[in-house]
Amino acid sequence: MIPTPLSILPEPIRALIPQWLKQGQDLALQGKLPAYIPQLAAVQPPIIALAIGLKDAPMINHWQGEALGDNSLINSESSNGISLDDCRNNSPSPRFPLMSLIKPFLLLYLLQKHGADRVWHLVDAVASDLPFNVIPIAKPPNPMLNCGAIALCSLLVSEAHQGDHGAKNLQNWLSQMMRPSASDQAQLNYGAAPELSVDTAMLASVRSVPQRRNLAIAKALEALAIVDDGAAALAIYEEICCFSTDVIGLAQLGKALLATEPMTELVLEVMTNCGMYGYSAAFAQNVGIPAKSAVSGAILGILPHQAAIVCYSPPLDAIGNSVAGLFLLEQVKSYLAKV
């Protein structure tokens, strides 16, 4: 039975969010920034942000910087986006690269454009406790591992060979999904819609690291005859991982996963089984919703048929998930499940 969609913005959650964000900032002190990508290692650890994209109600968005209520922005290129928050001077939310959070949307795009047969020819859809950057010795277990996503990027390479730009096609498709609905437009005072752009500085930082693990993955995929041109697939994978937005834009994307369609349901199933790296099985048991995390510190959780929950806090735990993001996701999920 599909739950009744949330049709109103629950006011009590507004009072709870600043408290959750402060608790999240305290917990984030236990995490570390990823040192292997210089640009990610240089972000401001205290930044924390939350957006809740309700299916049939206005979006909630709040973020803070150094201390509770400090919404000064550091190194942001964000547009004004959707604004229904308490931010001082209506400051825009911090931007971040999607990194691994591109994977569910890459999967959905390729399922819709190329069909299930071509997708599952390249990658399986089984849970795995392997590290996210494991070098494959056979067909990748699932699309949430780097090897699975790089293998799938070979389909974007094929689009490029046909005269298209595979990464640009995906970017345009995602940008279309991020546009506010007519009901959102009617209820909220919009500036520019959230943007999706390539963070060129982040892309250069990713490619500046010598002996990149993903380069070894691409070579292994080519040696296994899973992809024809591993270097081309890796180049596109790195580019789409550096698509940049804020929590509002990602929540808009997440709302697309609330649709009750067979391909969307399949993506949610893969997220449930494989989306949180080695913590996926425990997360499914403890929190019990489809989710995907990224080394940028962002996490997307889906409360099926009801809401997309996006958290951003850069410090990571030992597995690679945002420490504060995990906390926020559980708090919001528990609250909305009771509404």
Protein backbone atom coordinates (compact mmCIF):
# COMPACT_ATOMS: atom_id res chain seq x y z
CA MET A 1 0.00 0.00 0.00
CA ILE A 2 1.40 3.39 -1.01
CA PRO A 3 1.45 5.84 1.94
CA THR A 4 -0.58 9.01 1.66
CA PRO A 5 1.80 11.73 0.37
CA LEU A 6 2.73 14.48 2.78
CA SER A 7 0.51 17.35 1.69
CA ILE A 8 1.55 19.97 4.24
CA LEU A 9 4.85 21.28 5.51
CA PRO A 10 5.09 19.99 9.09
CA GLU A 11 5.91 23.02 11.23
CA PRO A 12 7.44 21.13 14.21
CA ILE A 13 10.28 19.90 12.02
CA ARG A 14 11.40 23.49 11.49
CA ALA A 15 12.11 23.82 15.21
CA LEU A 16 14.02 20.54 15.27
CA ILE A 17 16.33 21.17 12.29
CA PRO A 18 18.68 23.71 13.95
CA GLN A 19 19.05 21.34 16.89
CA TRP A 20 19.81 18.42 14.56
CA LEU A 21 22.34 20.47 12.62
CA LYS A 22 24.17 21.48 15.81
CA GLN A 23 24.24 17.85 16.96
CA GLY A 24 25.47 16.85 13.51
CA GLN A 25 28.29 19.41 13.65
CA ASP A 26 29.39 17.99 16.99
CA LEU A 27 29.35 14.44 15.63
CA ALA A 28 31.28 15.51 12.53
CA LEU A 29 34.31 16.16 14.73
CA GLN A 30 34.72 12.37 14.81
CA GLY A 31 35.17 12.23 11.02
CA LYS A 32 37.98 13.07 8.65
CA LEU A 33 38.17 14.76 5.27
CA PRO A 34 39.22 12.54 2.35
CA ALA A 35 42.91 13.27 1.85
CA TYR A 36 43.31 11.57 -1.53
CA ILE A 37 41.53 14.34 -3.49
CA PRO A 38 43.22 17.68 -2.67
CA GLN A 39 40.15 19.82 -3.34
CA LEU A 40 37.97 17.72 -1.00
CA ALA A 41 40.65 17.84 1.68
CA ALA A 42 40.48 21.66 1.63
CA VAL A 43 36.74 22.19 2.28
CA GLN A 44 35.40 23.75 5.48
CA PRO A 45 34.51 20.88 7.88
CA PRO A 46 31.90 22.77 9.97
CA ILE A 47 29.59 23.34 6.98
CA ILE A 48 26.42 21.29 7.29
CA ALA A 49 23.27 21.42 5.16
CA LEU A 50 19.93 19.67 4.90
CA ALA A 51 17.14 19.69 2.33
CA ILE A 52 13.92 17.69 2.41
CA GLY A 53 12.09 17.39 -0.88
CA LEU A 54 8.54 16.42 -0.01
CA LYS A 55 6.51 14.88 -2.81
CA ASP A 56 3.48 17.14 -2.52
CA ALA A 57 4.63 20.01 -0.33
CA PRO A 58 7.21 22.81 -0.34
CA MET A 59 10.86 21.96 0.18
CA ILE A 60 12.63 22.48 3.50
CA ASN A 61 16.20 23.76 3.29
CA HIS A 62 18.56 24.90 6.03
CA TRP A 63 22.33 25.11 6.42
CA GLN A 64 24.89 26.58 8.76
CA GLY A 65 28.59 27.22 8.88
CA GLU A 66 30.98 27.73 11.78
CA ALA A 67 28.32 27.88 14.47
CA LEU A 68 24.58 27.57 14.95
CA GLY A 69 22.87 30.29 12.95
CA ASP A 70 26.01 31.35 11.07
CA ASN A 71 25.02 31.12 7.43
CA SER A 72 28.02 32.92 5.93
CA LEU A 73 29.10 31.10 2.80
CA ILE A 74 32.61 29.98 1.95
CA ASN A 75 33.75 29.31 -1.63
CA SER A 76 30.27 28.88 -3.10
CA GLU A 77 29.08 29.41 -6.65
CA SER A 78 25.46 28.59 -5.83
CA SER A 79 22.50 30.36 -7.35
CA ASN A 80 19.72 31.51 -5.04
CA GLY A 81 17.77 28.32 -5.68
CA ILE A 82 14.66 27.41 -3.74
CA SER A 83 14.30 29.43 -0.59
CA LEU A 84 12.03 28.40 2.25
CA ASP A 85 14.53 28.53 5.07
CA ASP A 86 15.81 30.50 8.02
CA CYS A 87 19.16 31.41 6.45
CA ARG A 88 20.47 34.86 7.34
CA ASN A 89 20.28 37.22 4.36
CA ASN A 90 18.83 34.35 2.32
CA SER A 91 22.39 33.12 1.62
CA PRO A 92 22.65 30.31 -0.91
CA SER A 93 23.50 26.79 0.19
CA PRO A 94 27.05 25.45 -0.21
CA ARG A 95 27.81 23.59 -3.42
CA PHE A 96 29.53 20.21 -3.62
CA PRO A 97 30.42 17.67 -6.32
CA LEU A 98 28.08 14.71 -6.60
CA MET A 99 30.93 12.18 -6.77
CA SER A 100 29.40 8.72 -6.16
CA LEU A 101 25.93 10.22 -5.88
CA ILE A 102 25.90 10.37 -9.66
CA LYS A 103 25.69 6.57 -9.76
CA PRO A 104 21.94 6.02 -9.15
CA PHE A 105 21.08 8.70 -11.69
CA LEU A 106 23.56 7.32 -14.22
CA LEU A 107 21.88 3.94 -13.78
CA LEU A 108 18.38 5.37 -14.23
CA TYR A 109 19.42 7.36 -17.30
CA LEU A 110 21.04 4.36 -18.98
CA LEU A 111 18.14 2.03 -18.17
CA GLN A 112 15.76 4.48 -19.78
CA LYS A 113 17.92 5.33 -22.79
CA HIS A 114 19.76 2.08 -23.54
CA GLY A 115 17.54 -0.55 -21.94
CA ALA A 116 18.05 -3.12 -19.23
CA ASP A 117 19.73 -5.73 -21.46
CA ARG A 118 22.66 -3.45 -22.34
CA VAL A 119 23.03 -2.25 -18.76
CA TRP A 120 23.05 -5.69 -17.14
CA HIS A 121 25.39 -7.02 -19.81
CA LEU A 122 28.05 -4.75 -18.30
CA VAL A 123 27.30 -5.02 -14.59
CA ASP A 124 25.34 -7.18 -12.14
CA ALA A 125 22.94 -5.93 -9.46
CA VAL A 126 23.99 -7.91 -6.40
CA ALA A 127 24.99 -6.67 -2.98
CA SER A 128 28.67 -6.69 -2.12
CA ASP A 129 30.84 -5.89 0.87
CA LEU A 130 33.79 -5.04 -1.38
CA PRO A 131 35.46 -1.61 -1.07
CA PHE A 132 33.92 1.02 -3.36
CA ASN A 133 37.20 1.26 -5.31
CA VAL A 134 37.92 -2.45 -5.66
CA ILE A 135 39.81 -3.46 -8.81
CA PRO A 136 37.56 -5.97 -10.61
CA ILE A 137 38.60 -9.52 -11.43
CA ALA A 138 35.30 -10.29 -13.17
CA LYS A 139 32.06 -8.54 -14.12
CA PRO A 140 31.38 -5.76 -11.56
CA PRO A 141 28.89 -6.87 -8.89
CA ASN A 142 26.79 -3.70 -8.96
CA PRO A 143 26.61 -0.14 -10.36
CA MET A 144 27.34 1.50 -7.00
CA LEU A 145 30.97 0.34 -7.03
CA ASN A 146 33.39 2.47 -9.04
CA CYS A 147 34.13 -0.43 -11.37
CA GLY A 148 30.43 -0.86 -12.12
CA ALA A 149 29.89 2.85 -12.77
CA ILE A 150 32.98 3.12 -14.99
CA ALA A 151 31.78 0.09 -16.96
CA LEU A 152 28.40 1.79 -17.45
CA CYS A 153 30.14 4.96 -18.63
CA SER A 154 31.21 2.98 -21.70
CA LEU A 155 27.61 3.46 -22.86
CA LEU A 156 28.14 7.23 -22.61
CA VAL A 157 31.31 6.72 -24.66
CA SER A 158 29.20 5.00 -27.32
CA GLU A 159 26.90 8.05 -27.38
CA ALA A 160 29.96 10.25 -27.93
CA HIS A 161 31.08 8.04 -30.81
CA GLN A 162 27.68 8.62 -32.41
CA GLY A 163 28.27 12.36 -32.44
CA ASP A 164 26.83 13.17 -29.02
CA HIS A 165 28.67 14.18 -25.88
CA GLY A 166 27.71 11.46 -23.43
CA ALA A 167 28.48 13.47 -20.29
CA LYS A 168 26.61 16.50 -21.65
CA ASN A 169 23.60 14.34 -22.49
CA LEU A 170 23.47 13.15 -18.89
CA GLN A 171 23.96 16.67 -17.55
CA ASN A 172 21.09 18.02 -19.69
CA TRP A 173 18.82 15.17 -18.60
CA LEU A 174 19.59 15.79 -14.93
CA SER A 175 19.12 19.54 -15.34
CA GLN A 176 15.67 18.91 -16.75
CA MET A 177 14.82 16.77 -13.72
CA MET A 178 15.98 19.54 -11.38
CA ARG A 179 13.56 22.13 -12.69
CA PRO A 180 10.89 23.00 -10.12
CA SER A 181 7.41 21.67 -10.67
CA ALA A 182 4.51 24.02 -11.36
CA SER A 183 3.19 23.42 -7.84
CA ASP A 184 6.57 24.30 -6.33
CA GLN A 185 6.73 27.45 -8.46
CA ALA A 186 3.29 28.47 -7.24
CA GLN A 187 4.12 27.94 -3.55
CA LEU A 188 7.66 29.28 -3.34
CA ASN A 189 9.42 32.50 -4.21
CA TYR A 190 12.07 31.35 -6.67
CA GLY A 191 15.30 32.90 -7.70
CA ALA A 192 17.12 30.95 -10.36
CA ALA A 193 16.48 27.21 -10.31
CA PRO A 194 19.29 25.11 -8.82
CA GLU A 195 22.04 24.57 -11.38
CA LEU A 196 24.05 21.52 -12.30
CA SER A 197 27.50 22.40 -13.60
CA VAL A 198 30.89 20.74 -13.96
CA ASP A 199 33.22 21.81 -11.17
CA THR A 200 36.33 22.18 -13.30
CA ALA A 201 38.60 22.84 -10.31
CA MET A 202 37.41 19.63 -8.67
CA LEU A 203 37.87 17.70 -11.92
CA ALA A 204 41.44 18.98 -12.22
CA SER A 205 42.05 18.02 -8.59
CA VAL A 206 40.77 14.48 -9.16
CA ARG A 207 43.02 14.10 -12.19
CA SER A 208 46.04 15.62 -10.41
CA VAL A 209 46.54 12.59 -8.19
CA PRO A 210 49.27 10.25 -9.51
CA GLN A 211 48.60 6.50 -9.65
CA ARG A 212 44.84 6.97 -9.47
CA ARG A 213 42.98 3.87 -8.30
CA ASN A 214 40.26 4.43 -10.88
CA LEU A 215 42.87 4.30 -13.63
CA ALA A 216 43.76 0.78 -12.51
CA ILE A 217 40.05 -0.08 -12.47
CA ALA A 218 39.60 1.18 -16.03
CA LYS A 219 42.58 -0.84 -17.24
CA ALA A 220 41.22 -3.96 -15.51
CA LEU A 221 37.81 -3.52 -17.15
CA GLU A 222 39.50 -3.24 -20.53
CA ALA A 223 41.66 -6.32 -19.88
CA LEU A 224 38.50 -8.25 -18.94
CA ALA A 225 36.90 -7.15 -22.25
CA ILE A 226 34.05 -5.50 -20.36
CA VAL A 227 34.78 -2.13 -21.97
CA ASP A 228 36.58 -1.37 -25.23
CA ASP A 229 38.17 1.91 -24.19
CA GLY A 230 38.83 2.09 -20.47
CA ALA A 231 40.50 5.50 -20.64
CA ALA A 232 37.50 7.06 -22.39
CA ALA A 233 35.04 5.51 -19.93
CA LEU A 234 37.13 6.76 -17.00
CA ALA A 235 37.34 10.28 -18.45
CA ILE A 236 33.55 10.51 -18.65
CA TYR A 237 33.14 8.95 -15.19
CA GLU A 238 35.46 11.54 -13.64
CA GLU A 239 33.60 14.35 -15.39
CA ILE A 240 30.13 13.30 -14.26
CA CYS A 241 31.36 12.75 -10.69
CA CYS A 242 32.31 16.43 -10.71
CA PHE A 243 28.80 17.60 -11.57
CA SER A 244 28.15 20.15 -8.84
CA THR A 245 24.99 21.37 -7.12
CA ASP A 246 23.70 22.06 -3.59
CA VAL A 247 21.37 20.15 -1.26
CA ILE A 248 18.36 21.77 -2.90
CA GLY A 249 19.34 20.69 -6.39
CA LEU A 250 20.12 17.16 -5.22
CA ALA A 251 16.80 16.96 -3.39
CA GLN A 252 15.06 18.01 -6.62
CA LEU A 253 16.85 15.14 -8.38
CA GLY A 254 15.93 12.80 -5.56
CA LYS A 255 12.26 13.65 -5.97
CA ALA A 256 12.44 12.02 -9.41
CA LEU A 257 13.07 8.72 -7.59
CA LEU A 258 9.70 9.01 -5.85
CA ALA A 259 7.93 7.97 -9.06
CA THR A 260 6.37 4.52 -8.99
CA GLU A 261 7.88 3.19 -12.20
CA PRO A 262 9.60 -0.19 -12.74
CA MET A 263 13.00 1.33 -13.57
CA THR A 264 12.84 3.74 -10.66
CA GLU A 265 11.93 0.89 -8.31
CA LEU A 266 14.91 -1.05 -9.64
CA VAL A 267 17.27 1.85 -8.92
CA LEU A 268 15.89 2.13 -5.39
CA GLU A 269 16.45 -1.59 -4.87
CA VAL A 270 20.08 -1.26 -5.96
CA MET A 271 20.51 1.75 -3.63
CA THR A 272 19.08 -0.24 -0.73
CA ASN A 273 21.41 -3.17 -1.29
CA CYS A 274 24.58 -1.36 -2.39
CA GLY A 275 24.38 2.39 -1.84
CA MET A 276 26.29 2.88 1.41
CA TYR A 277 29.54 1.07 0.65
CA GLY A 278 30.43 -1.55 3.28
CA TYR A 279 27.75 -0.16 5.60
CA SER A 280 24.91 -0.98 3.18
CA ALA A 281 23.61 -4.09 4.94
CA ALA A 282 23.74 -2.53 8.41
CA PHE A 283 22.17 0.70 7.13
CA ALA A 284 19.33 -1.24 5.49
CA GLN A 285 18.66 -2.96 8.80
CA ASN A 286 19.06 0.09 11.04
CA VAL A 287 17.45 2.82 8.89
CA GLY A 288 15.71 0.81 6.19
CA ILE A 289 15.44 3.23 3.27
CA PRO A 290 17.22 3.41 -0.11
CA ALA A 291 20.25 5.69 0.17
CA LYS A 292 23.48 6.66 -1.55
CA SER A 293 26.50 8.43 -0.11
CA ALA A 294 29.51 10.17 -1.64
CA VAL A 295 33.03 11.04 -0.50
CA SER A 296 32.15 14.72 -0.93
CA GLY A 297 30.11 14.33 2.26
CA ALA A 298 26.65 14.25 0.70
CA ILE A 299 24.01 11.58 1.33
CA LEU A 300 20.68 11.10 -0.43
CA GLY A 301 17.97 9.04 1.25
CA ILE A 302 14.60 8.20 -0.26
CA LEU A 303 11.48 7.73 1.83
CA PRO A 304 9.58 5.89 -0.92
CA HIS A 305 6.58 7.76 -2.36
CA GLN A 306 7.02 10.56 0.18
CA ALA A 307 10.31 12.46 0.34
CA ALA A 308 13.90 12.82 -0.80
CA ILE A 309 16.25 13.68 2.09
CA VAL A 310 19.65 15.23 1.35
CA CYS A 311 22.35 15.87 3.92
CA TYR A 312 25.78 17.44 3.40
CA SER A 313 28.66 17.45 5.87
CA PRO A 314 32.20 16.81 4.60
CA PRO A 315 33.89 14.77 7.42
CA LEU A 316 33.65 11.03 6.73
CA ASP A 317 33.74 7.88 8.83
CA ALA A 318 36.19 5.04 8.16
CA ILE A 319 33.91 3.52 5.52
CA GLY A 320 33.52 6.78 3.57
CA ASN A 321 30.08 7.98 4.68
CA SER A 322 29.37 11.42 6.13
CA VAL A 323 29.29 11.12 9.93
CA ALA A 324 26.77 13.93 10.40
CA GLY A 325 24.88 12.96 7.26
CA LEU A 326 24.10 9.52 8.64
CA PHE A 327 22.79 11.12 11.84
CA LEU A 328 20.64 13.67 10.01
CA LEU A 329 19.21 11.09 7.64
CA GLU A 330 18.10 8.90 10.51
CA GLN A 331 16.54 11.83 12.40
CA VAL A 332 14.54 13.09 9.41
CA LYS A 333 13.47 9.61 8.34
CA SER A 334 12.25 8.79 11.86
CA TYR A 335 10.33 12.08 12.05
CA LEU A 336 8.65 11.81 8.64
CA ALA A 337 7.78 8.16 9.18
CA LYS A 338 5.60 9.28 12.11
CA VAL A 339 3.77 12.07 10.23
